[in-house]
PDB file of N, CA and C in Angstrom:
ATOM      1  N   MET A   1       1.814 -17.215  17.438  1.00  0.00           N
ATOM      2  CA  MET A   1       3.110 -16.646  17.608  1.00  0.00           C
ATOM      3  C   MET A   1       2.976 -15.179  18.027  1.00  0.00           C
ATOM      4  N   THR A   2       3.573 -14.857  19.071  1.00  0.00           N
ATOM      5  CA  THR A   2       3.507 -13.363  19.546  1.00  0.00           C
ATOM      6  C   THR A   2       4.558 -12.657  18.748  1.00  0.00           C
ATOM      7  N   ARG A   3       4.519 -11.332  18.840  1.00  0.00           N
ATOM      8  CA  ARG A   3       5.543 -10.325  18.140  1.00  0.00           C
ATOM      9  C   ARG A   3       6.957 -10.612  18.748  1.00  0.00           C
ATOM     10  N   LYS A   4       6.936 -10.897  20.087  1.00  0.00           N
ATOM     11  CA  LYS A   4       8.242 -11.160  20.668  1.00  0.00           C
ATOM     12  C   LYS A   4       8.910 -12.369  20.088  1.00  0.00           C
ATOM     13  N   HIS A   5       8.069 -13.399  19.956  1.00  0.00           N
ATOM     14  CA  HIS A   5       8.558 -14.656  19.327  1.00  0.00           C
ATOM     15  C   HIS A   5       9.026 -14.461  17.856  1.00  0.00           C
ATOM     16  N   PHE A   6       8.279 -13.765  17.186  1.00  0.00           N
ATOM     17  CA  PHE A   6       8.539 -13.334  15.734  1.00  0.00           C
ATOM     18  C   PHE A   6       9.825 -12.626  15.651  1.00  0.00           C
ATOM     19  N   GLY A   7       9.904 -11.597  16.553  1.00  0.00           N
ATOM     20  CA  GLY A   7      11.170 -10.753  16.621  1.00  0.00           C
ATOM     21  C   GLY A   7      12.346 -11.585  16.862  1.00  0.00           C
ATOM     22  N   ALA A   8      12.242 -12.528  17.823  1.00  0.00           N
ATOM     23  CA  ALA A   8      13.398 -13.378  18.214  1.00  0.00           C
ATOM     24  C   ALA A   8      13.765 -14.258  17.021  1.00  0.00           C
ATOM     25  N   LEU A   9      12.726 -14.789  16.345  1.00  0.00           N
ATOM     26  CA  LEU A   9      12.927 -15.706  15.118  1.00  0.00           C
ATOM     27  C   LEU A   9      13.602 -14.840  14.036  1.00  0.00           C
ATOM     28  N   LEU A  10      13.175 -13.703  13.815  1.00  0.00           N
ATOM     29  CA  LEU A  10      13.814 -12.828  12.729  1.00  0.00           C
ATOM     30  C   LEU A  10      15.199 -12.483  13.168  1.00  0.00           C
ATOM     31  N   GLY A  11      15.474 -12.155  14.492  1.00  0.00           N
ATOM     32  CA  GLY A  11      16.862 -11.865  14.792  1.00  0.00           C
ATOM     33  C   GLY A  11      17.804 -13.080  14.662  1.00  0.00           C
ATOM     34  N   PHE A  12      17.256 -14.260  15.034  1.00  0.00           N
ATOM     35  CA  PHE A  12      18.087 -15.505  14.816  1.00  0.00           C
ATOM     36  C   PHE A  12      18.410 -15.800  13.369  1.00  0.00           C
ATOM     37  N   ALA A  13      17.349 -15.570  12.486  1.00  0.00           N
ATOM     38  CA  ALA A  13      17.628 -15.677  11.202  1.00  0.00           C
ATOM     39  C   ALA A  13      18.640 -14.728  10.542  1.00  0.00           C
ATOM     40  N   PHE A  14      18.506 -13.599  11.038  1.00  0.00           N
ATOM     41  CA  PHE A  14      19.471 -12.538  10.468  1.00  0.00           C
ATOM     42  C   PHE A  14      20.921 -12.853  10.972  1.00  0.00           C
ATOM     43  N   VAL A  15      21.116 -13.212  12.195  1.00  0.00           N
ATOM     44  CA  VAL A  15      22.400 -13.545  12.688  1.00  0.00           C
ATOM     45  C   VAL A  15      22.923 -14.825  11.998  1.00  0.00           C
ATOM     46  N   ALA A  16      22.044 -15.771  11.726  1.00  0.00           N
ATOM     47  CA  ALA A  16      22.553 -16.905  11.015  1.00  0.00           C
ATOM     48  C   ALA A  16      22.933 -16.596   9.532  1.00  0.00           C
ATOM     49  N   ALA A  17      22.212 -15.892   8.932  1.00  0.00           N
ATOM     50  CA  ALA A  17      22.606 -15.436   7.549  1.00  0.00           C
ATOM     51  C   ALA A  17      23.908 -14.517   7.618  1.00  0.00           C
ATOM     52  N   TRP A  18      24.092 -13.695   8.582  1.00  0.00           N
ATOM     53  CA  TRP A  18      25.308 -12.925   8.777  1.00  0.00           C
ATOM     54  C   TRP A  18      26.568 -13.817   8.968  1.00  0.00           C
ATOM     55  N   ILE A  19      26.368 -14.913   9.815  1.00  0.00           N
ATOM     56  CA  ILE A  19      27.460 -15.767  10.089  1.00  0.00           C
ATOM     57  C   ILE A  19      27.729 -16.630   8.767  1.00  0.00           C
ATOM     58  N   SER A  20      26.703 -17.006   8.219  1.00  0.00           N
ATOM     59  CA  SER A  20      26.803 -18.025   7.096  1.00  0.00           C
ATOM     60  C   SER A  20      27.421 -17.359   5.848  1.00  0.00           C
ATOM     61  N   PHE A  21      26.980 -16.079   5.488  1.00  0.00           N
ATOM     62  CA  PHE A  21      27.327 -15.391   4.232  1.00  0.00           C
ATOM     63  C   PHE A  21      28.276 -14.217   4.754  1.00  0.00           C
ATOM     64  N   ASN A  22      27.582 -13.063   4.773  1.00  0.00           N
ATOM     65  CA  ASN A  22      28.424 -11.904   5.247  1.00  0.00           C
ATOM     66  C   ASN A  22      27.276 -10.816   5.563  1.00  0.00           C
ATOM     67  N   PHE A  23      27.727  -9.735   6.182  1.00  0.00           N
ATOM     68  CA  PHE A  23      26.771  -8.757   6.649  1.00  0.00           C
ATOM     69  C   PHE A  23      25.828  -8.125   5.456  1.00  0.00           C
ATOM     70  N   GLY A  24      26.525  -7.959   4.351  1.00  0.00           N
ATOM     71  CA  GLY A  24      25.743  -7.390   3.193  1.00  0.00           C
ATOM     72  C   GLY A  24      24.708  -8.266   2.607  1.00  0.00           C
ATOM     73  N   TYR A  25      25.068  -9.640   2.632  1.00  0.00           N
ATOM     74  CA  TYR A  25      23.961 -10.463   2.154  1.00  0.00           C
ATOM     75  C   TYR A  25      22.856 -10.636   3.212  1.00  0.00           C
ATOM     76  N   ALA A  26      23.143 -10.550   4.461  1.00  0.00           N
ATOM     77  CA  ALA A  26      22.170 -10.585   5.405  1.00  0.00           C
ATOM     78  C   ALA A  26      21.217  -9.380   5.426  1.00  0.00           C
ATOM     79  N   LEU A  27      21.796  -8.190   5.170  1.00  0.00           N
ATOM     80  CA  LEU A  27      20.878  -7.047   4.921  1.00  0.00           C
ATOM     81  C   LEU A  27      19.976  -7.214   3.754  1.00  0.00           C
ATOM     82  N   LEU A  28      20.662  -7.846   2.616  1.00  0.00           N
ATOM     83  CA  LEU A  28      19.933  -7.990   1.368  1.00  0.00           C
ATOM     84  C   LEU A  28      18.732  -8.947   1.680  1.00  0.00           C
ATOM     85  N   CYS A  29      19.018  -9.907   2.526  1.00  0.00           N
ATOM     86  CA  CYS A  29      17.845 -10.960   2.879  1.00  0.00           C
ATOM     87  C   CYS A  29      16.659 -10.082   3.618  1.00  0.00           C
ATOM     88  N   LEU A  30      17.084  -9.268   4.450  1.00  0.00           N
ATOM     89  CA  LEU A  30      16.122  -8.428   5.212  1.00  0.00           C
ATOM     90  C   LEU A  30      15.141  -7.528   4.246  1.00  0.00           C
ATOM     91  N   VAL A  31      16.000  -6.847   3.397  1.00  0.00           N
ATOM     92  CA  VAL A  31      15.276  -5.986   2.472  1.00  0.00           C
ATOM     93  C   VAL A  31      14.445  -6.810   1.474  1.00  0.00           C
ATOM     94  N   GLY A  32      14.808  -7.907   1.068  1.00  0.00           N
ATOM     95  CA  GLY A  32      14.015  -8.776   0.195  1.00  0.00           C
ATOM     96  C   GLY A  32      12.751  -9.268   0.995  1.00  0.00           C
ATOM     97  N   ALA A  33      12.937  -9.673   2.253  1.00  0.00           N
ATOM     98  CA  ALA A  33      11.809 -10.062   3.018  1.00  0.00           C
ATOM     99  C   ALA A  33      10.842  -8.906   3.203  1.00  0.00           C
ATOM    100  N   GLY A  34      11.321  -7.775   3.416  1.00  0.00           N
ATOM    101  CA  GLY A  34      10.376  -6.641   3.639  1.00  0.00           C
ATOM    102  C   GLY A  34       9.651  -6.278   2.300  1.00  0.00           C
ATOM    103  N   VAL A  35      10.351  -6.288   1.237  1.00  0.00           N
ATOM    104  CA  VAL A  35       9.596  -6.010  -0.038  1.00  0.00           C
ATOM    105  C   VAL A  35       8.529  -7.120  -0.295  1.00  0.00           C
ATOM    106  N   PHE A  36       8.945  -8.351  -0.151  1.00  0.00           N
ATOM    107  CA  PHE A  36       7.827  -9.429  -0.288  1.00  0.00           C
ATOM    108  C   PHE A  36       6.707  -9.314   0.685  1.00  0.00           C
ATOM    109  N   TYR A  37       6.974  -8.890   1.914  1.00  0.00           N
ATOM    110  CA  TYR A  37       5.912  -8.676   2.947  1.00  0.00           C
ATOM    111  C   TYR A  37       4.971  -7.543   2.405  1.00  0.00           C
ATOM    112  N   LEU A  38       5.570  -6.436   1.894  1.00  0.00           N
ATOM    113  CA  LEU A  38       4.735  -5.315   1.409  1.00  0.00           C
ATOM    114  C   LEU A  38       4.010  -5.804   0.206  1.00  0.00           C
ATOM    115  N   VAL A  39       4.501  -6.524  -0.687  1.00  0.00           N
ATOM    116  CA  VAL A  39       3.743  -6.941  -1.831  1.00  0.00           C
ATOM    117  C   VAL A  39       2.515  -7.867  -1.460  1.00  0.00           C
ATOM    118  N   ALA A  40       2.838  -8.788  -0.414  1.00  0.00           N
ATOM    119  CA  ALA A  40       1.805  -9.682  -0.064  1.00  0.00           C
ATOM    120  C   ALA A  40       0.673  -8.874   0.779  1.00  0.00           C
ATOM    121  N   SER A  41       1.066  -7.910   1.478  1.00  0.00           N
ATOM    122  CA  SER A  41      -0.009  -7.072   2.211  1.00  0.00           C
ATOM    123  C   SER A  41      -0.800  -6.316   1.138  1.00  0.00           C
ATOM    124  N   TYR A  42      -0.048  -5.838   0.147  1.00  0.00           N
ATOM    125  CA  TYR A  42      -0.857  -4.990  -0.933  1.00  0.00           C
ATOM    126  C   TYR A  42      -1.862  -5.874  -1.578  1.00  0.00           C
ATOM    127  N   LEU A  43      -1.453  -7.173  -1.891  1.00  0.00           N
ATOM    128  CA  LEU A  43      -2.362  -8.004  -2.643  1.00  0.00           C
ATOM    129  C   LEU A  43      -3.544  -8.484  -1.745  1.00  0.00           C
ATOM    130  N   GLU A  44      -3.273  -8.606  -0.416  1.00  0.00           N
ATOM    131  CA  GLU A  44      -4.418  -8.931   0.515  1.00  0.00           C
ATOM    132  C   GLU A  44      -5.302  -7.704   0.870  1.00  0.00           C
ATOM    133  N   GLY A  45      -4.933  -6.461   0.319  1.00  0.00           N
ATOM    134  CA  GLY A  45      -5.679  -5.341   0.479  1.00  0.00           C
ATOM    135  C   GLY A  45      -5.395  -4.686   1.804  1.00  0.00           C
ATOM    136  N   GLU A  46      -4.351  -4.983   2.634  1.00  0.00           N
ATOM    137  CA  GLU A  46      -4.072  -4.298   3.776  1.00  0.00           C
ATOM    138  C   GLU A  46      -3.133  -3.109   3.624  1.00  0.00           C
ATOM    139  N   VAL A  47      -2.538  -2.914   2.568  1.00  0.00           N
ATOM    140  CA  VAL A  47      -1.851  -1.620   2.227  1.00  0.00           C
ATOM    141  C   VAL A  47      -2.495  -0.787   1.246  1.00  0.00           C
ATOM    142  N   ASP A  48      -2.624   0.556   1.539  1.00  0.00           N
ATOM    143  CA  ASP A  48      -3.159   1.455   0.504  1.00  0.00           C
ATOM    144  C   ASP A  48      -2.002   2.355   0.031  1.00  0.00           C
ATOM    145  N   ILE A  49      -1.673   2.136  -1.165  1.00  0.00           N
ATOM    146  CA  ILE A  49      -0.403   2.893  -1.870  1.00  0.00           C
ATOM    147  C   ILE A  49      -0.603   4.355  -1.703  1.00  0.00           C
ATOM    148  N   ALA A  50      -1.842   4.920  -1.894  1.00  0.00           N
ATOM    149  CA  ALA A  50      -1.981   6.458  -1.780  1.00  0.00           C
ATOM    150  C   ALA A  50      -1.805   6.844  -0.295  1.00  0.00           C
ATOM    151  N   GLU A  51      -2.281   6.117   0.534  1.00  0.00           N
ATOM    152  CA  GLU A  51      -2.044   6.492   2.034  1.00  0.00           C
ATOM    153  C   GLU A  51      -0.661   6.303   2.437  1.00  0.00           C
ATOM    154  N   LEU A  52       0.154   5.407   1.952  1.00  0.00           N
ATOM    155  CA  LEU A  52       1.541   5.231   2.169  1.00  0.00           C
ATOM    156  C   LEU A  52       2.343   6.392   1.599  1.00  0.00           C
ATOM    157  N   GLN A  53       1.931   6.777   0.358  1.00  0.00           N
ATOM    158  CA  GLN A  53       2.516   7.869  -0.306  1.00  0.00           C
ATOM    159  C   GLN A  53       2.343   9.140   0.417  1.00  0.00           C
ATOM    160  N   GLY A  54       1.177   9.382   0.910  1.00  0.00           N
ATOM    161  CA  GLY A  54       0.867  10.585   1.785  1.00  0.00           C
ATOM    162  C   GLY A  54       1.638  10.677   2.967  1.00  0.00           C
ATOM    163  N   ARG A  55       1.858   9.459   3.612  1.00  0.00           N
ATOM    164  CA  ARG A  55       2.659   9.428   4.886  1.00  0.00           C
ATOM    165  C   ARG A  55       4.030   9.752   4.652  1.00  0.00           C
ATOM    166  N   LEU A  56       4.711   9.271   3.527  1.00  0.00           N
ATOM    167  CA  LEU A  56       6.076   9.450   3.255  1.00  0.00           C
ATOM    168  C   LEU A  56       6.354  10.793   2.377  1.00  0.00           C
ATOM    169  N   SER A  57       5.420  11.333   1.931  1.00  0.00           N
ATOM    170  CA  SER A  57       5.583  12.693   1.263  1.00  0.00           C
ATOM    171  C   SER A  57       5.666  13.863   2.104  1.00  0.00           C
ATOM    172  N   PRO A  58       6.621  14.821   1.992  1.00  0.00           N
ATOM    173  CA  PRO A  58       6.683  15.881   2.828  1.00  0.00           C
ATOM    174  C   PRO A  58       5.529  16.959   2.695  1.00  0.00           C
ATOM    175  N   ARG A  59       4.820  16.822   1.603  1.00  0.00           N
ATOM    176  CA  ARG A  59       3.691  17.727   1.286  1.00  0.00           C
ATOM    177  C   ARG A  59       2.426  17.082   1.422  1.00  0.00           C
ATOM    178  N   GLY A  60       2.270  15.874   1.886  1.00  0.00           N
ATOM    179  CA  GLY A  60       1.048  15.243   2.117  1.00  0.00           C
ATOM    180  C   GLY A  60       0.560  14.296   0.996  1.00  0.00           C
ATOM    181  N   GLY A  61       1.359  14.286  -0.089  1.00  0.00           N
ATOM    182  CA  GLY A  61       1.044  13.230  -1.217  1.00  0.00           C
ATOM    183  C   GLY A  61       0.060  13.867  -2.288  1.00  0.00           C
ATOM    184  N   VAL A  62      -0.062  13.160  -3.310  1.00  0.00           N
ATOM    185  CA  VAL A  62      -0.903  13.550  -4.379  1.00  0.00           C
ATOM    186  C   VAL A  62      -2.436  13.644  -3.997  1.00  0.00           C
ATOM    187  N   GLY A  63      -3.022  14.709  -4.304  1.00  0.00           N
ATOM    188  CA  GLY A  63      -4.417  14.888  -4.047  1.00  0.00           C
ATOM    189  C   GLY A  63      -4.800  15.283  -2.502  1.00  0.00           C
ATOM    190  N   GLN A  64      -3.682  15.454  -1.761  1.00  0.00           N
ATOM    191  CA  GLN A  64      -3.784  15.879  -0.368  1.00  0.00           C
ATOM    192  C   GLN A  64      -3.554  17.354  -0.329  1.00  0.00           C
ATOM    193  N   PRO A  65      -4.211  18.135   0.552  1.00  0.00           N
ATOM    194  CA  PRO A  65      -3.994  19.498   0.567  1.00  0.00           C
ATOM    195  C   PRO A  65      -2.630  19.732   1.401  1.00  0.00           C
ATOM    196  N   ALA A  66      -1.952  20.767   0.968  1.00  0.00           N
ATOM    197  CA  ALA A  66      -0.602  20.920   1.669  1.00  0.00           C
ATOM    198  C   ALA A  66      -0.961  21.428   3.090  1.00  0.00           C
ATOM    199  N   PRO A  67       0.002  21.007   4.058  1.00  0.00           N
ATOM    200  CA  PRO A  67      -0.205  21.352   5.474  1.00  0.00           C
ATOM    201  C   PRO A  67      -0.178  22.944   5.581  1.00  0.00           C
ATOM    202  N   PRO A  68      -0.888  23.355   6.547  1.00  0.00           N
ATOM    203  CA  PRO A  68      -1.037  24.783   6.767  1.00  0.00           C
ATOM    204  C   PRO A  68       0.349  25.438   7.061  1.00  0.00           C
ATOM    205  N   SER A  69       0.596  26.508   6.564  1.00  0.00           N
ATOM    206  CA  SER A  69       1.905  27.148   6.873  1.00  0.00           C
ATOM    207  C   SER A  69       1.863  27.860   8.210  1.00  0.00           C
ATOM    208  N   ALA A  70       3.011  28.333   8.618  1.00  0.00           N
ATOM    209  CA  ALA A  70       3.013  28.971   9.907  1.00  0.00           C
ATOM    210  C   ALA A  70       2.266  30.386   9.877  1.00  0.00           C
ATOM    211  N   PRO A  71       1.568  30.809  10.811  1.00  0.00           N
ATOM    212  CA  PRO A  71       0.831  32.071  10.667  1.00  0.00           C
ATOM    213  C   PRO A  71       1.885  33.178  10.622  1.00  0.00           C
ATOM    214  N   ALA A  72       1.444  34.249   9.836  1.00  0.00           N
ATOM    215  CA  ALA A  72       2.284  35.445   9.627  1.00  0.00           C
ATOM    216  C   ALA A  72       2.478  36.202  10.961  1.00  0.00           C
ATOM    217  N   PRO A  73       3.656  36.765  11.151  1.00  0.00           N
ATOM    218  CA  PRO A  73       3.841  37.454  12.360  1.00  0.00           C
ATOM    219  C   PRO A  73       3.020  38.813  12.312  1.00  0.00           C
ATOM    220  N   PRO A  74       2.593  39.269  13.583  1.00  0.00           N
ATOM    221  CA  PRO A  74       1.756  40.488  13.579  1.00  0.00           C
ATOM    222  C   PRO A  74       2.452  41.668  12.861  1.00  0.00           C
ATOM    223  N   ALA A  75       1.682  42.602  12.223  1.00  0.00           N
ATOM    224  CA  ALA A  75       2.286  43.709  11.653  1.00  0.00           C
ATOM    225  C   ALA A  75       2.696  44.659  12.646  1.00  0.00           C
ATOM    226  N   ALA A  76       3.862  45.368  12.333  1.00  0.00           N
ATOM    227  CA  ALA A  76       4.500  46.340  13.325  1.00  0.00           C
ATOM    228  C   ALA A  76       3.505  47.597  13.451  1.00  0.00           C
ATOM    229  N   ARG A  77       3.451  48.110  14.679  1.00  0.00           N
ATOM    230  CA  ARG A  77       2.593  49.278  14.847  1.00  0.00           C
ATOM    231  C   ARG A  77       3.577  50.526  14.737  1.00  0.00           C
ATOM    232  N   ALA A  78       2.887  51.677  14.140  1.00  0.00           N
ATOM    233  CA  ALA A  78       3.652  52.832  14.036  1.00  0.00           C
ATOM    234  C   ALA A  78       3.852  53.514  15.331  1.00  0.00           C
ATOM    235  N   ARG A  79       4.887  53.968  15.694  1.00  0.00           N
ATOM    236  CA  ARG A  79       5.002  54.814  17.002  1.00  0.00           C
ATOM    237  C   ARG A  79       4.647  56.173  16.849  1.00  0.00           C
ATOM    238  N   VAL A  80       3.757  56.545  17.645  1.00  0.00           N
ATOM    239  CA  VAL A  80       3.314  57.954  17.716  1.00  0.00           C
ATOM    240  C   VAL A  80       3.977  58.703  18.863  1.00  0.00           C
ATOM    241  N   GLN A  81       4.570  59.882  18.525  1.00  0.00           N
ATOM    242  CA  GLN A  81       5.238  60.576  19.528  1.00  0.00           C
ATOM    243  C   GLN A  81       4.671  61.971  19.851  1.00  0.00           C
TER     244      GLN A  81
END
C-alpha cells in the first residue's frame, strides 16, 4: 500500500466517522489513532523520546546545548575631531 492509498483510506475513514457521529468524535478518533501509532512505534524502537523532546523543545531539550545566540553588535568607535 502506498502513502497515497493510505492517505485516501484515512480520509475516507475520517469522513465516515464525521458523517456517522460528529466532527468532535471524528477528531477524537484521529487523535487516538495518532497516540496508538506513536506508542507502537516506540515499542518497536522506531521513536526516540529524547530526540523527539529535543525537536519539540525551543532550547534543544534536556542534555542538549542551547542554540548559539545572535552575535553581539560591533562596538561603537569614538569620534576623533
